[in-house]
C-alpha atoms as a PDB file:
ATOM      1  CA  MET A   1       0.037   0.126  -0.017  1.00  0.00           C
ATOM      2  CA  HIS A   2       1.516   3.355  -0.770  1.00  0.00           C
ATOM      3  CA  SER A   3       0.002   6.736  -0.510  1.00  0.00           C
ATOM      4  CA  GLY A   4      -3.607   4.887  -0.405  1.00  0.00           C
ATOM      5  CA  LEU A   5      -2.672   3.132  -3.671  1.00  0.00           C
ATOM      6  CA  TYR A   6      -2.234  -0.855  -4.031  1.00  0.00           C
ATOM      7  CA  LEU A   7       0.764  -0.959  -6.061  1.00  0.00           C
ATOM      8  CA  GLY A   8       1.564  -4.793  -5.771  1.00  0.00           C
ATOM      9  CA  GLY A   9      -0.417  -7.623  -6.733  1.00  0.00           C
ATOM     10  CA  MET A  10       2.402  -9.828  -7.629  1.00  0.00           C
ATOM     11  CA  GLN A  11       2.082 -11.925  -4.552  1.00  0.00           C
ATOM     12  CA  LEU A  12      -1.789 -12.091  -4.467  1.00  0.00           C
ATOM     13  CA  PRO A  13      -4.350 -13.654  -7.058  1.00  0.00           C
ATOM     14  CA  PHE A  14      -5.234 -11.379  -9.789  1.00  0.00           C
ATOM     15  CA  VAL A  15      -8.665 -10.647  -9.642  1.00  0.00           C
ATOM     16  CA  SER A  16     -10.975  -9.269 -12.193  1.00  0.00           C
ATOM     17  CA  SER A  17     -14.670  -8.090 -11.873  1.00  0.00           C
ATOM     18  CA  LEU A  18     -17.343  -7.606 -13.915  1.00  0.00           C
ATOM     19  CA  ARG A  19     -19.884  -5.330 -11.883  1.00  0.00           C
ATOM     20  CA  VAL A  20     -23.195  -3.455 -12.452  1.00  0.00           C
ATOM     21  CA  TYR A  21     -23.712   0.196 -11.170  1.00  0.00           C
ATOM     22  CA  LEU A  22     -27.544   1.136 -10.780  1.00  0.00           C
ATOM     23  CA  PRO A  23     -29.296   4.303 -10.410  1.00  0.00           C
ATOM     24  CA  ARG A  24     -30.811   5.426  -7.297  1.00  0.00           C
ATOM     25  CA  GLU A  25     -34.075   4.123  -8.468  1.00  0.00           C
ATOM     26  CA  ALA A  26     -33.225   0.704  -8.589  1.00  0.00           C
ATOM     27  CA  TYR A  27     -33.085   0.170  -4.931  1.00  0.00           C
ATOM     28  CA  THR A  28     -35.516   0.595  -1.977  1.00  0.00           C
ATOM     29  CA  GLN A  29     -35.613   3.655   0.332  1.00  0.00           C
ATOM     30  CA  GLU A  30     -34.003   1.410   3.012  1.00  0.00           C
ATOM     31  CA  GLU A  31     -31.552   0.103   0.741  1.00  0.00           C
ATOM     32  CA  PHE A  32     -30.404   3.194  -0.524  1.00  0.00           C
ATOM     33  CA  SER A  33     -30.160   4.626   2.968  1.00  0.00           C
ATOM     34  CA  TYR A  34     -27.776   1.910   4.020  1.00  0.00           C
ATOM     35  CA  ILE A  35     -25.782   2.671   0.699  1.00  0.00           C
ATOM     36  CA  ALA A  36     -25.520   6.198   1.456  1.00  0.00           C
ATOM     37  CA  SER A  37     -24.272   5.672   4.504  1.00  0.00           C
ATOM     38  CA  LEU A  38     -21.271   3.816   3.358  1.00  0.00           C
ATOM     39  CA  ILE A  39     -20.038   6.449   1.251  1.00  0.00           C
ATOM     40  CA  ASP A  40     -17.139   8.440   1.855  1.00  0.00           C
ATOM     41  CA  ALA A  41     -17.401  11.917   0.558  1.00  0.00           C
ATOM     42  CA  ASP A  42     -13.445  11.767  -0.340  1.00  0.00           C
ATOM     43  CA  GLN A  43     -13.542   8.310  -1.759  1.00  0.00           C
ATOM     44  CA  ASN A  44     -12.603   7.222  -5.462  1.00  0.00           C
ATOM     45  CA  THR A  45     -12.534   3.899  -7.185  1.00  0.00           C
ATOM     46  CA  ILE A  46      -8.959   3.215  -6.202  1.00  0.00           C
ATOM     47  CA  SER A  47      -9.412   4.013  -2.676  1.00  0.00           C
ATOM     48  CA  VAL A  48     -12.107   1.407  -2.460  1.00  0.00           C
ATOM     49  CA  ASP A  49      -9.750  -0.945  -4.074  1.00  0.00           C
ATOM     50  CA  ALA A  50      -7.182  -0.330  -1.247  1.00  0.00           C
ATOM     51  CA  GLN A  51      -9.832  -0.723   1.315  1.00  0.00           C
ATOM     52  CA  GLU A  52     -11.246  -3.729   0.188  1.00  0.00           C
ATOM     53  CA  LEU A  53      -7.403  -5.109  -0.044  1.00  0.00           C
ATOM     54  CA  ALA A  54      -7.044  -4.146   3.444  1.00  0.00           C
ATOM     55  CA  ASP A  55      -9.981  -5.628   4.787  1.00  0.00           C
ATOM     56  CA  SER A  56      -9.089  -8.875   2.966  1.00  0.00           C
ATOM     57  CA  LEU A  57      -5.571  -8.996   4.480  1.00  0.00           C
ATOM     58  CA  GLY A  58      -6.874  -8.117   7.788  1.00  0.00           C
ATOM     59  CA  ARG A  59      -9.188 -11.430   7.645  1.00  0.00           C
ATOM     60  CA  VAL A  60      -6.431 -13.567   7.277  1.00  0.00           C
ATOM     61  CA  SER A  61      -3.358 -11.939   8.956  1.00  0.00           C
ATOM     62  CA  ARG A  62      -5.300 -11.825  12.432  1.00  0.00           C
ATOM     63  CA  PRO A  63      -3.689 -14.404  15.043  1.00  0.00           C
ATOM     64  CA  THR A  64      -7.283 -16.144  14.578  1.00  0.00           C
ATOM     65  CA  ALA A  65      -8.154 -15.505  11.083  1.00  0.00           C
ATOM     66  CA  LYS A  66     -11.998 -14.843  10.121  1.00  0.00           C
ATOM     67  CA  MET A  67     -12.103 -15.979   6.613  1.00  0.00           C
ATOM     68  CA  LEU A  68     -16.080 -14.989   6.156  1.00  0.00           C
ATOM     69  CA  PRO A  69     -16.581 -10.966   6.006  1.00  0.00           C
ATOM     70  CA  THR A  70     -18.736  -9.094   8.130  1.00  0.00           C
ATOM     71  CA  PRO A  71     -21.177  -5.868   7.095  1.00  0.00           C
ATOM     72  CA  SER A  72     -18.032  -3.956   8.612  1.00  0.00           C
ATOM     73  CA  VAL A  73     -16.456  -4.296   5.047  1.00  0.00           C
ATOM     74  CA  ASP A  74     -19.304  -3.196   2.895  1.00  0.00           C
ATOM     75  CA  ARG A  75     -18.273  -0.804   0.394  1.00  0.00           C
ATOM     76  CA  VAL A  76     -19.818   1.074  -2.498  1.00  0.00           C
ATOM     77  CA  ARG A  77     -18.477   2.434  -5.743  1.00  0.00           C
ATOM     78  CA  VAL A  78     -19.976   5.169  -7.279  1.00  0.00           C
ATOM     79  CA  PHE A  79     -19.886   6.060 -10.972  1.00  0.00           C
ATOM     80  CA  GLN A  80     -20.989   8.671 -13.483  1.00  0.00           C
ATOM     81  CA  MET A  81     -20.910   7.695 -17.091  1.00  0.00           C
ATOM     82  CA  ALA A  82     -20.789  11.535 -18.109  1.00  0.00           C
ATOM     83  CA  VAL A  83     -21.153  14.951 -16.913  1.00  0.00           C
ATOM     84  CA  GLU A  84     -24.606  15.784 -16.154  1.00  0.00           C
ATOM     85  CA  THR A  85     -25.717  12.108 -15.890  1.00  0.00           C
ATOM     86  CA  PRO A  86     -27.138  10.157 -12.895  1.00  0.00           C
ATOM     87  CA  LEU A  87     -24.815   8.937 -10.418  1.00  0.00           C
ATOM     88  CA  LEU A  88     -24.859   5.045 -10.354  1.00  0.00           C
ATOM     89  CA  TYR A  89     -24.046   2.758  -7.469  1.00  0.00           C
ATOM     90  CA  ALA A  90     -22.324  -0.598  -7.172  1.00  0.00           C
ATOM     91  CA  PRO A  91     -22.327  -2.095  -3.712  1.00  0.00           C
ATOM     92  CA  ASN A  92     -19.683  -4.841  -3.321  1.00  0.00           C
ATOM     93  CA  GLN A  93     -21.983  -7.239  -1.412  1.00  0.00           C
ATOM     94  CA  LEU A  94     -19.218  -8.985  -0.276  1.00  0.00           C
ATOM     95  CA  VAL A  95     -21.035 -10.690   2.660  1.00  0.00           C
ATOM     96  CA  ALA A  96     -23.729 -12.023   0.272  1.00  0.00           C
ATOM     97  CA  ARG A  97     -21.404 -13.012  -2.198  1.00  0.00           C
ATOM     98  CA  SER A  98     -19.237 -14.744   0.162  1.00  0.00           C
ATOM     99  CA  MET A  99     -22.421 -16.691   1.538  1.00  0.00           C
ATOM    100  CA  VAL A 100     -23.085 -17.902  -1.821  1.00  0.00           C
ATOM    101  CA  ALA A 101     -19.783 -19.046  -2.621  1.00  0.00           C
ATOM    102  CA  THR A 102     -19.098 -20.758   0.712  1.00  0.00           C
ATOM    103  CA  THR A 103     -22.487 -22.579   0.317  1.00  0.00           C
ATOM    104  CA  GLU A 104     -21.317 -23.803  -2.990  1.00  0.00           C
ATOM    105  CA  LEU A 105     -18.232 -25.007  -1.520  1.00  0.00           C
ATOM    106  CA  LEU A 106     -19.531 -26.707   1.652  1.00  0.00           C
ATOM    107  CA  SER A 107     -22.041 -28.528  -0.653  1.00  0.00           C
ATOM    108  CA  GLY A 108     -19.653 -29.417  -3.374  1.00  0.00           C
ATOM    109  CA  PRO A 109     -17.201 -32.353  -3.474  1.00  0.00           C
ATOM    110  CA  LEU A 110     -14.539 -30.550  -1.550  1.00  0.00           C
ATOM    111  CA  GLY A 111     -17.110 -30.009   1.420  1.00  0.00           C
ATOM    112  CA  GLN A 112     -15.125 -31.985   3.905  1.00  0.00           C
ATOM    113  CA  LEU A 113     -11.933 -30.103   3.288  1.00  0.00           C
ATOM    114  CA  ALA A 114     -14.086 -26.895   3.356  1.00  0.00           C
ATOM    115  CA  LYS A 115     -15.313 -27.471   6.609  1.00  0.00           C
ATOM    116  CA  LEU A 116     -11.592 -27.419   8.074  1.00  0.00           C
ATOM    117  CA  VAL A 117     -11.577 -23.928   6.744  1.00  0.00           C
ATOM    118  CA  VAL A 118     -15.050 -22.802   7.676  1.00  0.00           C
ATOM    119  CA  PRO A 119     -16.099 -25.383  10.437  1.00  0.00           C
ATOM    120  CA  ASP A 120     -19.885 -25.756  11.059  1.00  0.00           C
ATOM    121  CA  THR A 121     -19.871 -23.776  14.490  1.00  0.00           C
ATOM    122  CA  GLU A 122     -18.138 -20.566  12.661  1.00  0.00           C
ATOM    123  CA  TRP A 123     -20.738 -20.942   9.640  1.00  0.00           C
ATOM    124  CA  ASP A 124     -23.807 -21.173  12.354  1.00  0.00           C
ATOM    125  CA  ARG A 125     -22.299 -18.045  14.100  1.00  0.00           C
ATOM    126  CA  HIS A 126     -22.119 -16.153  10.902  1.00  0.00           C
ATOM    127  CA  LEU A 127     -25.612 -17.045   9.808  1.00  0.00           C
ATOM    128  CA  GLN A 128     -26.706 -15.730  12.978  1.00  0.00           C
ATOM    129  CA  ARG A 129     -25.048 -12.391  12.676  1.00  0.00           C
ATOM    130  CA  LEU A 130     -26.462 -12.139   9.075  1.00  0.00           C
ATOM    131  CA  GLU A 131     -30.295 -12.299  10.366  1.00  0.00           C
ATOM    132  CA  THR A 132     -29.739  -8.813  11.435  1.00  0.00           C
ATOM    133  CA  ALA A 133     -27.393  -7.448   9.014  1.00  0.00           C
ATOM    134  CA  PRO A 134     -28.366  -4.985   6.356  1.00  0.00           C
ATOM    135  CA  SER A 135     -29.731  -6.575   2.946  1.00  0.00           C
ATOM    136  CA  LEU A 136     -28.991  -4.949  -0.457  1.00  0.00           C
ATOM    137  CA  GLY A 137     -31.316  -7.051  -2.484  1.00  0.00           C
ATOM    138  CA  ALA A 138     -31.083 -10.824  -3.848  1.00  0.00           C
ATOM    139  CA  THR A 139     -29.414 -10.101  -7.089  1.00  0.00           C
ATOM    140  CA  ILE A 140     -25.459 -10.052  -6.844  1.00  0.00           C
ATOM    141  CA  GLN A 141     -24.263  -7.003  -8.801  1.00  0.00           C
ATOM    142  CA  THR A 142     -20.634  -8.289  -9.001  1.00  0.00           C
ATOM    143  CA  ARG A 143     -18.937 -11.202 -10.662  1.00  0.00           C
ATOM    144  CA  THR A 144     -15.191 -12.023 -10.002  1.00  0.00           C
ATOM    145  CA  SER A 145     -12.635 -13.999 -11.785  1.00  0.00           C
ATOM    146  CA  THR A 146      -9.256 -15.000 -10.491  1.00  0.00           C
ATOM    147  CA  TRP A 147      -6.047 -15.323 -12.696  1.00  0.00           C
ATOM    148  CA  GLY A 148      -7.927 -14.427 -15.954  1.00  0.00           C
ATOM    149  CA  ILE A 149     -11.128 -13.075 -17.477  1.00  0.00           C
ATOM    150  CA  PRO A 150     -13.724 -15.141 -18.908  1.00  0.00           C
ATOM    151  CA  PHE A 151     -13.745 -14.857 -22.656  1.00  0.00           C
ATOM    152  CA  SER A 152     -17.846 -14.616 -22.578  1.00  0.00           C
ATOM    153  CA  TRP A 153     -16.920 -11.139 -20.767  1.00  0.00           C
ATOM    154  CA  PHE A 154     -15.230  -9.852 -23.737  1.00  0.00           C
ATOM    155  CA  THR A 155     -18.516 -10.362 -25.668  1.00  0.00           C
ATOM    156  CA  LEU A 156     -19.798  -7.441 -23.915  1.00  0.00           C
ATOM    157  CA  VAL A 157     -17.316  -4.845 -24.792  1.00  0.00           C
ATOM    158  CA  TYR A 158     -15.532  -3.197 -27.964  1.00  0.00           C
ATOM    159  CA  ALA A 159     -12.521  -1.196 -28.343  1.00  0.00           C
ATOM    160  CA  ASN A 160     -14.437   2.237 -28.722  1.00  0.00           C
ATOM    161  CA  ASP A 161     -16.542   1.772 -25.443  1.00  0.00           C
ATOM    162  CA  ARG A 162     -15.730   4.103 -22.592  1.00  0.00           C
ATOM    163  CA  MET A 163     -12.254   3.204 -20.861  1.00  0.00           C
ATOM    164  CA  GLU A 164     -10.339   4.225 -18.233  1.00  0.00           C
ATOM    165  CA  VAL A 165      -6.725   3.540 -17.565  1.00  0.00           C
ATOM    166  CA  VAL A 166      -5.549   4.048 -14.122  1.00  0.00           C
ATOM    167  CA  GLU A 167      -1.708   4.347 -13.526  1.00  0.00           C
ATOM    168  CA  ALA A 168       0.476   5.236 -10.544  1.00  0.00           C
ATOM    169  CA  ASN A 169       4.248   5.614 -10.550  1.00  0.00           C
ATOM    170  CA  GLY A 170       4.782   4.344 -14.221  1.00  0.00           C
ATOM    171  CA  ARG A 171       2.395   1.317 -13.254  1.00  0.00           C
ATOM    172  CA  VAL A 172      -0.964   0.492 -14.812  1.00  0.00           C
ATOM    173  CA  LEU A 173      -3.245  -0.334 -11.726  1.00  0.00           C
ATOM    174  CA  THR A 174      -6.237  -1.179 -13.792  1.00  0.00           C
ATOM    175  CA  VAL A 175      -8.201  -0.605 -16.835  1.00  0.00           C
ATOM    176  CA  ARG A 176     -11.899  -0.161 -16.721  1.00  0.00           C
ATOM    177  CA  ILE A 177     -14.250  -0.395 -19.839  1.00  0.00           C
ATOM    178  CA  GLN A 178     -18.073   0.526 -19.067  1.00  0.00           C
ATOM    179  CA  VAL A 179     -21.058   0.290 -21.350  1.00  0.00           C
ATOM    180  CA  PRO A 180     -24.698   0.556 -20.715  1.00  0.00           C
ATOM    181  CA  VAL A 181     -26.647  -2.734 -19.254  1.00  0.00           C
ATOM    182  CA  ALA A 182     -28.927  -2.533 -22.160  1.00  0.00           C
ATOM    183  CA  VAL A 183     -26.306  -2.276 -24.596  1.00  0.00           C
ATOM    184  CA  ALA A 184     -24.403  -5.308 -23.122  1.00  0.00           C
ATOM    185  CA  ALA A 185     -27.373  -7.446 -22.672  1.00  0.00           C
ATOM    186  CA  GLU A 186     -28.077  -6.788 -26.620  1.00  0.00           C
ATOM    187  CA  ARG A 187     -24.555  -7.904 -27.462  1.00  0.00           C
ATOM    188  CA  ALA A 188     -24.928 -10.973 -25.387  1.00  0.00           C
ATOM    189  CA  SER A 189     -28.545 -11.967 -26.988  1.00  0.00           C
ATOM    190  CA  ARG A 190     -27.140 -11.234 -30.268  1.00  0.00           C
ATOM    191  CA  THR A 191     -24.094 -13.448 -29.951  1.00  0.00           C
ATOM    192  CA  LEU A 192     -26.155 -16.219 -28.364  1.00  0.00           C
ATOM    193  CA  LYS A 193     -28.392 -16.241 -31.289  1.00  0.00           C
ATOM    194  CA  MET A 194     -25.499 -16.874 -33.794  1.00  0.00           C
ATOM    195  CA  LEU A 195     -23.944 -19.454 -31.498  1.00  0.00           C
ATOM    196  CA  ALA A 196     -26.960 -21.202 -30.921  1.00  0.00           C
ATOM    197  CA  GLU A 197     -27.156 -21.567 -34.916  1.00  0.00           C
ATOM    198  CA  VAL A 198     -23.641 -22.504 -35.575  1.00  0.00           C
ATOM    199  CA  ALA A 199     -21.761 -23.722 -32.590  1.00  0.00           C
ATOM    200  CA  SER A 200     -24.109 -24.245 -29.500  1.00  0.00           C
ATOM    201  CA  GLU A 201     -21.756 -26.953 -28.197  1.00  0.00           C
ATOM    202  CA  LEU A 202     -19.049 -24.540 -27.241  1.00  0.00           C
ATOM    203  CA  ASP A 203     -18.408 -23.672 -23.599  1.00  0.00           C
ATOM    204  CA  LEU A 204     -18.784 -20.078 -24.521  1.00  0.00           C
ATOM    205  CA  PHE A 205     -22.543 -20.538 -25.440  1.00  0.00           C
ATOM    206  CA  GLU A 206     -23.340 -21.926 -21.937  1.00  0.00           C
ATOM    207  CA  GLU A 207     -21.071 -19.160 -20.095  1.00  0.00           C
ATOM    208  CA  LEU A 208     -22.775 -16.298 -22.200  1.00  0.00           C
ATOM    209  CA  ASN A 209     -26.216 -17.817 -21.582  1.00  0.00           C
ATOM    210  CA  VAL A 210     -25.690 -17.402 -17.867  1.00  0.00           C
ATOM    211  CA  LEU A 211     -24.269 -14.056 -18.034  1.00  0.00           C
ATOM    212  CA  HIS A 212     -26.970 -12.775 -20.353  1.00  0.00           C
ATOM    213  CA  GLY A 213     -29.663 -13.940 -17.816  1.00  0.00           C
ATOM    214  CA  TRP A 214     -27.671 -12.188 -15.219  1.00  0.00           C
ATOM    215  CA  LEU A 215     -27.818  -8.947 -17.071  1.00  0.00           C
ATOM    216  CA  THR A 216     -31.372  -9.018 -17.978  1.00  0.00           C
ATOM    217  CA  ALA A 217     -32.039  -8.819 -14.123  1.00  0.00           C
ATOM    218  CA  PHE A 218     -30.886  -5.352 -13.694  1.00  0.00           C
ATOM    219  CA  ASP A 219     -32.400  -1.795 -14.771  1.00  0.00           C
ATOM    220  CA  GLY A 220     -31.475  -0.865 -18.152  1.00  0.00           C
ATOM    221  CA  ASP A 221     -30.360   2.274 -17.252  1.00  0.00           C
ATOM    222  CA  GLY A 222     -27.364   0.871 -15.233  1.00  0.00           C
ATOM    223  CA  VAL A 223     -24.298   0.440 -16.455  1.00  0.00           C
ATOM    224  CA  VAL A 224     -21.818  -2.785 -16.878  1.00  0.00           C
ATOM    225  CA  GLU A 225     -17.994  -2.417 -15.791  1.00  0.00           C
ATOM    226  CA  LEU A 226     -15.069  -4.561 -16.916  1.00  0.00           C
ATOM    227  CA  ASP A 227     -12.456  -4.385 -14.351  1.00  0.00           C
ATOM    228  CA  TYR A 228      -9.218  -5.795 -15.150  1.00  0.00           C
ATOM    229  CA  GLY A 229      -7.605  -5.212 -11.708  1.00  0.00           C
ATOM    230  CA  PRO A 230      -3.864  -5.877 -11.356  1.00  0.00           C
ATOM    231  CA  LEU A 231      -3.949  -7.997 -14.685  1.00  0.00           C
ATOM    232  CA  ALA A 232      -3.950  -4.738 -16.628  1.00  0.00           C
ATOM    233  CA  HIS A 233      -0.148  -4.234 -15.875  1.00  0.00           C
ATOM    234  CA  ARG A 234       0.566  -7.335 -17.760  1.00  0.00           C
ATOM    235  CA  LEU A 235      -1.802  -6.930 -20.750  1.00  0.00           C
ATOM    236  CA  HIS A 236      -2.408  -3.263 -21.500  1.00  0.00           C
ATOM    237  CA  PRO A 237      -3.181  -2.271 -24.146  1.00  0.00           C
ATOM    238  CA  ASP A 238      -4.993  -5.941 -24.436  1.00  0.00           C
ATOM    239  CA  GLU A 239      -6.674  -6.982 -27.895  1.00  0.00           C
ATOM    240  CA  SER A 240      -8.854  -9.652 -26.345  1.00  0.00           C
ATOM    241  CA  PRO A 241     -12.141  -7.960 -26.981  1.00  0.00           C
ATOM    242  CA  ALA A 242     -11.082  -7.611 -30.691  1.00  0.00           C
ATOM    243  CA  ASP A 243      -9.893 -11.276 -30.885  1.00  0.00           C
ATOM    244  CA  VAL A 244     -13.125 -12.512 -29.553  1.00  0.00           C
ATOM    245  CA  HIS A 245     -15.164 -10.605 -31.699  1.00  0.00           C
ATOM    246  CA  ALA A 246     -13.101 -11.519 -34.821  1.00  0.00           C
ATOM    247  CA  GLY A 247     -13.287 -15.096 -33.748  1.00  0.00           C
ATOM    248  CA  LEU A 248     -16.907 -14.940 -33.508  1.00  0.00           C
ATOM    249  CA  ALA A 249     -17.441 -13.029 -36.831  1.00  0.00           C
ATOM    250  CA  CYS A 250     -15.323 -15.825 -38.360  1.00  0.00           C
ATOM    251  CA  LEU A 251     -17.851 -18.594 -36.883  1.00  0.00           C
ATOM    252  CA  ALA A 252     -20.671 -16.620 -38.360  1.00  0.00           C
ATOM    253  CA  ASP A 253     -19.059 -16.777 -41.770  1.00  0.00           C
ATOM    254  CA  GLY A 254     -18.177 -20.233 -41.691  1.00  0.00           C
ATOM    255  CA  ASP A 255     -14.453 -19.354 -41.605  1.00  0.00           C
ATOM    256  CA  LEU A 256     -13.069 -21.995 -39.004  1.00  0.00           C
ATOM    257  CA  THR A 257      -9.489 -21.339 -40.139  1.00  0.00           C
ATOM    258  CA  GLY A 258      -9.731 -17.624 -39.047  1.00  0.00           C
ATOM    259  CA  ALA A 259     -11.826 -18.551 -35.827  1.00  0.00           C
ATOM    260  CA  ALA A 260      -8.971 -21.126 -34.937  1.00  0.00           C
ATOM    261  CA  ALA A 261      -6.350 -18.108 -35.647  1.00  0.00           C
ATOM    262  CA  ALA A 262      -8.250 -15.882 -33.228  1.00  0.00           C
ATOM    263  CA  TYR A 263      -8.635 -18.595 -30.687  1.00  0.00           C
ATOM    264  CA  ARG A 264      -4.487 -19.110 -30.895  1.00  0.00           C
ATOM    265  CA  ARG A 265      -4.038 -15.225 -30.281  1.00  0.00           C
ATOM    266  CA  LEU A 266      -6.223 -15.330 -27.091  1.00  0.00           C
ATOM    267  CA  ALA A 267      -4.720 -18.516 -25.892  1.00  0.00           C
ATOM    268  CA  ASN A 268      -1.133 -17.323 -26.399  1.00  0.00           C
ATOM    269  CA  ARG A 269      -2.259 -14.292 -24.315  1.00  0.00           C
ATOM    270  CA  TRP A 270      -3.826 -15.770 -21.221  1.00  0.00           C
ATOM    271  CA  THR A 271      -2.210 -19.434 -20.894  1.00  0.00           C
ATOM    272  CA  PRO A 272       0.761 -17.439 -19.307  1.00  0.00           C
ATOM    273  CA  ILE A 273      -1.535 -15.390 -17.112  1.00  0.00           C
ATOM    274  CA  ARG A 274      -3.548 -18.633 -15.936  1.00  0.00           C
ATOM    275  CA  ALA A 275      -0.288 -20.568 -15.240  1.00  0.00           C
ATOM    276  CA  LEU A 276       0.546 -17.968 -12.480  1.00  0.00           C
ATOM    277  CA  GLY A 277      -2.180 -19.322 -10.572  1.00  0.00           C
ATOM    278  CA  ARG A 278      -0.492 -22.764 -10.314  1.00  0.00           C
ATOM    279  CA  ALA A 279       3.298 -21.170  -9.886  1.00  0.00           C
ATOM    280  CA  ASN A 280       5.224 -21.268  -6.607  1.00  0.00           C
END
């Protein structure tokens, strides 16, 4: 941490995010009152990133680590697409996201191992704490990916979409691409229709189908943000969105050679990144 900015990321998982910002009207009065209480007048997107990192390190660095977050680490990002446009809000919903992830882990094939990290007694205490914790709705506004960005996310953005490149001390901290929810959902729908006709067996089709369902649950006046996180330092400028769209265009035209070439470019770019997750 340096001057409020996180300039590392080399010894921690590279986490990228796909988050949705929603207008004030998308929340109930109670929900928005809680959101407003979390906003610091001096905060910005980088300071929120730094706060979330400090929260995460705090949970695992105590003498007795507490893996499950509490509402004390709730943070909210505020975004404005352009001057004179309404403010939009993206609560991190870390508690809700951790509940979903932990439930899946405890009920999955690694359930017995997971209980060594999150014992039943700790899980029960966590659920009891949450009974009186503030709620921000049932729909999760943030999806995350570790050690790589799913190719399905790139179908939502183009090179000419609004982009922010955040730098400090000669290092790219992150790159963020923003696009209206309605536009992103339409792009996903259009790609799904094409894949259903020519390549419904691809994993991309199933991933994009889930992603499209998630997007359509939100207010069309919201904004989707693809946040590269620490990956940006290794990748910017990144041609992955262009390669994904080029490959899809080749598939639609029946040009399997062109589609394979686009996939090779993507694989050559992302395989070394994903390999970092298994490095020691």
